[in-house]
């Protein structure tokens, strides 16, 4: 796996990376039966758009992780944008995101 992809995977999977300060998770937002958990991380002098979409099913919880190319100057802006992107993904794909 390419080093940049491995680093990204580690961040999304919660493993972090040596020398990278972990950011506390933002509050989840409920939307149309889904939970959106913004998870921006420090990158390129700003914060990368990232998050997790979760939904509870009879068989248990499923989640879909997303990362977008946009970076933002502040964590708050990245959190706000991650929520917007999460809502857009839900509106466009619904439960199909878990396939």
C-alpha atoms as a PDB file:
ATOM      1  CA  UNK A   1       0.000   0.000   0.000  1.00  0.00           C
ATOM      2  CA  UNK A   2       1.362   3.449  -0.885  1.00  0.00           C
ATOM      3  CA  UNK A   3       2.580   5.374   2.189  1.00  0.00           C
ATOM      4  CA  UNK A   4       0.019   8.168   1.768  1.00  0.00           C
ATOM      5  CA  UNK A   5      -2.846   5.673   1.476  1.00  0.00           C
ATOM      6  CA  UNK A   6      -1.569   3.711   4.471  1.00  0.00           C
ATOM      7  CA  UNK A   7      -1.399   6.914   6.547  1.00  0.00           C
ATOM      8  CA  UNK A   8      -4.927   7.880   5.480  1.00  0.00           C
ATOM      9  CA  UNK A   9      -6.248   4.411   6.305  1.00  0.00           C
ATOM     10  CA  UNK A  10      -4.581   4.486   9.723  1.00  0.00           C
ATOM     11  CA  UNK A  11      -6.159   7.845  10.499  1.00  0.00           C
ATOM     12  CA  UNK A  12      -9.624   6.700   9.442  1.00  0.00           C
ATOM     13  CA  UNK A  13      -9.289   3.389  11.246  1.00  0.00           C
ATOM     14  CA  UNK A  14      -8.295   5.199  14.416  1.00  0.00           C
ATOM     15  CA  UNK A  15      -4.703   3.995  14.426  1.00  0.00           C
ATOM     16  CA  UNK A  16      -3.251   7.461  14.024  1.00  0.00           C
ATOM     17  CA  UNK A  17       0.265   7.997  12.843  1.00  0.00           C
ATOM     18  CA  UNK A  18       3.526   8.608  14.652  1.00  0.00           C
ATOM     19  CA  UNK A  19       3.970  12.300  15.317  1.00  0.00           C
ATOM     20  CA  UNK A  20       0.388  13.161  14.369  1.00  0.00           C
ATOM     21  CA  UNK A  21      -1.736  14.714  17.086  1.00  0.00           C
ATOM     22  CA  UNK A  22      -5.103  12.979  17.320  1.00  0.00           C
ATOM     23  CA  UNK A  23      -8.100  15.300  17.275  1.00  0.00           C
ATOM     24  CA  UNK A  24     -11.097  14.644  19.532  1.00  0.00           C
ATOM     25  CA  UNK A  25     -14.152  13.381  17.678  1.00  0.00           C
ATOM     26  CA  UNK A  26     -16.936  15.845  16.889  1.00  0.00           C
ATOM     27  CA  UNK A  27     -20.502  15.227  18.066  1.00  0.00           C
ATOM     28  CA  UNK A  28     -22.609  12.982  15.850  1.00  0.00           C
ATOM     29  CA  UNK A  29     -25.521  14.542  13.965  1.00  0.00           C
ATOM     30  CA  UNK A  30     -28.751  12.599  13.366  1.00  0.00           C
ATOM     31  CA  UNK A  31     -30.117  12.861   9.814  1.00  0.00           C
ATOM     32  CA  UNK A  32     -32.915  10.772   8.242  1.00  0.00           C
ATOM     33  CA  UNK A  33     -32.226   7.786  10.495  1.00  0.00           C
ATOM     34  CA  UNK A  34     -28.450   7.965   9.992  1.00  0.00           C
ATOM     35  CA  UNK A  35     -25.710   9.358  12.240  1.00  0.00           C
ATOM     36  CA  UNK A  36     -23.021  11.525  10.717  1.00  0.00           C
ATOM     37  CA  UNK A  37     -19.793  11.657  12.740  1.00  0.00           C
ATOM     38  CA  UNK A  38     -17.485  14.366  11.413  1.00  0.00           C
ATOM     39  CA  UNK A  39     -13.848  13.259  11.666  1.00  0.00           C
ATOM     40  CA  UNK A  40     -11.651  15.947  10.094  1.00  0.00           C
ATOM     41  CA  UNK A  41      -7.929  15.595  10.601  1.00  0.00           C
ATOM     42  CA  UNK A  42      -4.975  17.938  10.362  1.00  0.00           C
ATOM     43  CA  UNK A  43      -3.450  17.984   6.869  1.00  0.00           C
ATOM     44  CA  UNK A  44      -1.625  20.441   4.604  1.00  0.00           C
ATOM     45  CA  UNK A  45      -1.766  23.254   7.132  1.00  0.00           C
ATOM     46  CA  UNK A  46      -5.542  22.895   7.502  1.00  0.00           C
ATOM     47  CA  UNK A  47      -8.150  20.235   8.194  1.00  0.00           C
ATOM     48  CA  UNK A  48      -9.175  17.522   5.730  1.00  0.00           C
ATOM     49  CA  UNK A  49     -12.875  16.782   5.198  1.00  0.00           C
ATOM     50  CA  UNK A  50     -13.635  13.312   6.582  1.00  0.00           C
ATOM     51  CA  UNK A  51     -16.342  11.522   8.500  1.00  0.00           C
ATOM     52  CA  UNK A  52     -18.329   8.386   9.184  1.00  0.00           C
ATOM     53  CA  UNK A  53     -21.969   7.695   8.355  1.00  0.00           C
ATOM     54  CA  UNK A  54     -23.613   5.112  10.629  1.00  0.00           C
ATOM     55  CA  UNK A  55     -26.990   3.429  10.699  1.00  0.00           C
ATOM     56  CA  UNK A  56     -28.470   0.767  12.949  1.00  0.00           C
ATOM     57  CA  UNK A  57     -30.000  -2.291  11.288  1.00  0.00           C
ATOM     58  CA  UNK A  58     -31.513  -5.486  12.702  1.00  0.00           C
ATOM     59  CA  UNK A  59     -28.185  -7.226  12.115  1.00  0.00           C
ATOM     60  CA  UNK A  60     -26.250  -4.457  13.866  1.00  0.00           C
ATOM     61  CA  UNK A  61     -24.697  -1.108  13.055  1.00  0.00           C
ATOM     62  CA  UNK A  62     -23.122  -0.452   9.666  1.00  0.00           C
ATOM     63  CA  UNK A  63     -20.783   2.388   8.839  1.00  0.00           C
ATOM     64  CA  UNK A  64     -19.432   4.111   5.768  1.00  0.00           C
ATOM     65  CA  UNK A  65     -16.245   6.198   6.023  1.00  0.00           C
ATOM     66  CA  UNK A  66     -15.653   9.085   3.666  1.00  0.00           C
ATOM     67  CA  UNK A  67     -12.781  11.451   2.894  1.00  0.00           C
ATOM     68  CA  UNK A  68     -12.932  14.353   0.483  1.00  0.00           C
ATOM     69  CA  UNK A  69     -10.187  16.447  -1.073  1.00  0.00           C
ATOM     70  CA  UNK A  70     -11.318  19.724   0.491  1.00  0.00           C
ATOM     71  CA  UNK A  71      -9.227  21.233   3.256  1.00  0.00           C
ATOM     72  CA  UNK A  72     -10.359  24.014   5.573  1.00  0.00           C
ATOM     73  CA  UNK A  73      -8.475  26.585   7.654  1.00  0.00           C
ATOM     74  CA  UNK A  74     -10.230  25.597  10.892  1.00  0.00           C
ATOM     75  CA  UNK A  75     -11.487  22.390  12.428  1.00  0.00           C
ATOM     76  CA  UNK A  76     -14.944  23.920  12.958  1.00  0.00           C
ATOM     77  CA  UNK A  77     -15.252  24.688   9.238  1.00  0.00           C
ATOM     78  CA  UNK A  78     -14.148  21.143   8.377  1.00  0.00           C
ATOM     79  CA  UNK A  79     -16.713  19.695  10.811  1.00  0.00           C
ATOM     80  CA  UNK A  80     -19.496  21.803   9.288  1.00  0.00           C
ATOM     81  CA  UNK A  81     -18.515  20.791   5.758  1.00  0.00           C
ATOM     82  CA  UNK A  82     -18.239  17.086   6.713  1.00  0.00           C
ATOM     83  CA  UNK A  83     -21.825  17.220   8.007  1.00  0.00           C
ATOM     84  CA  UNK A  84     -22.961  18.841   4.755  1.00  0.00           C
ATOM     85  CA  UNK A  85     -21.139  16.192   2.699  1.00  0.00           C
ATOM     86  CA  UNK A  86     -22.557  13.398   4.865  1.00  0.00           C
ATOM     87  CA  UNK A  87     -26.091  14.680   4.271  1.00  0.00           C
ATOM     88  CA  UNK A  88     -25.410  14.887   0.537  1.00  0.00           C
ATOM     89  CA  UNK A  89     -24.141  11.275   0.471  1.00  0.00           C
ATOM     90  CA  UNK A  90     -27.232  10.107   2.383  1.00  0.00           C
ATOM     91  CA  UNK A  91     -29.587  12.038   0.093  1.00  0.00           C
ATOM     92  CA  UNK A  92     -27.924  10.653  -3.047  1.00  0.00           C
ATOM     93  CA  UNK A  93     -27.297   7.039  -1.978  1.00  0.00           C
ATOM     94  CA  UNK A  94     -29.327   6.203   1.125  1.00  0.00           C
ATOM     95  CA  UNK A  95     -28.763   2.649   2.380  1.00  0.00           C
ATOM     96  CA  UNK A  96     -26.780   1.789  -0.805  1.00  0.00           C
ATOM     97  CA  UNK A  97     -23.664   3.273   0.816  1.00  0.00           C
ATOM     98  CA  UNK A  98     -23.417   0.136   2.958  1.00  0.00           C
ATOM     99  CA  UNK A  99     -23.264  -2.306   0.028  1.00  0.00           C
END
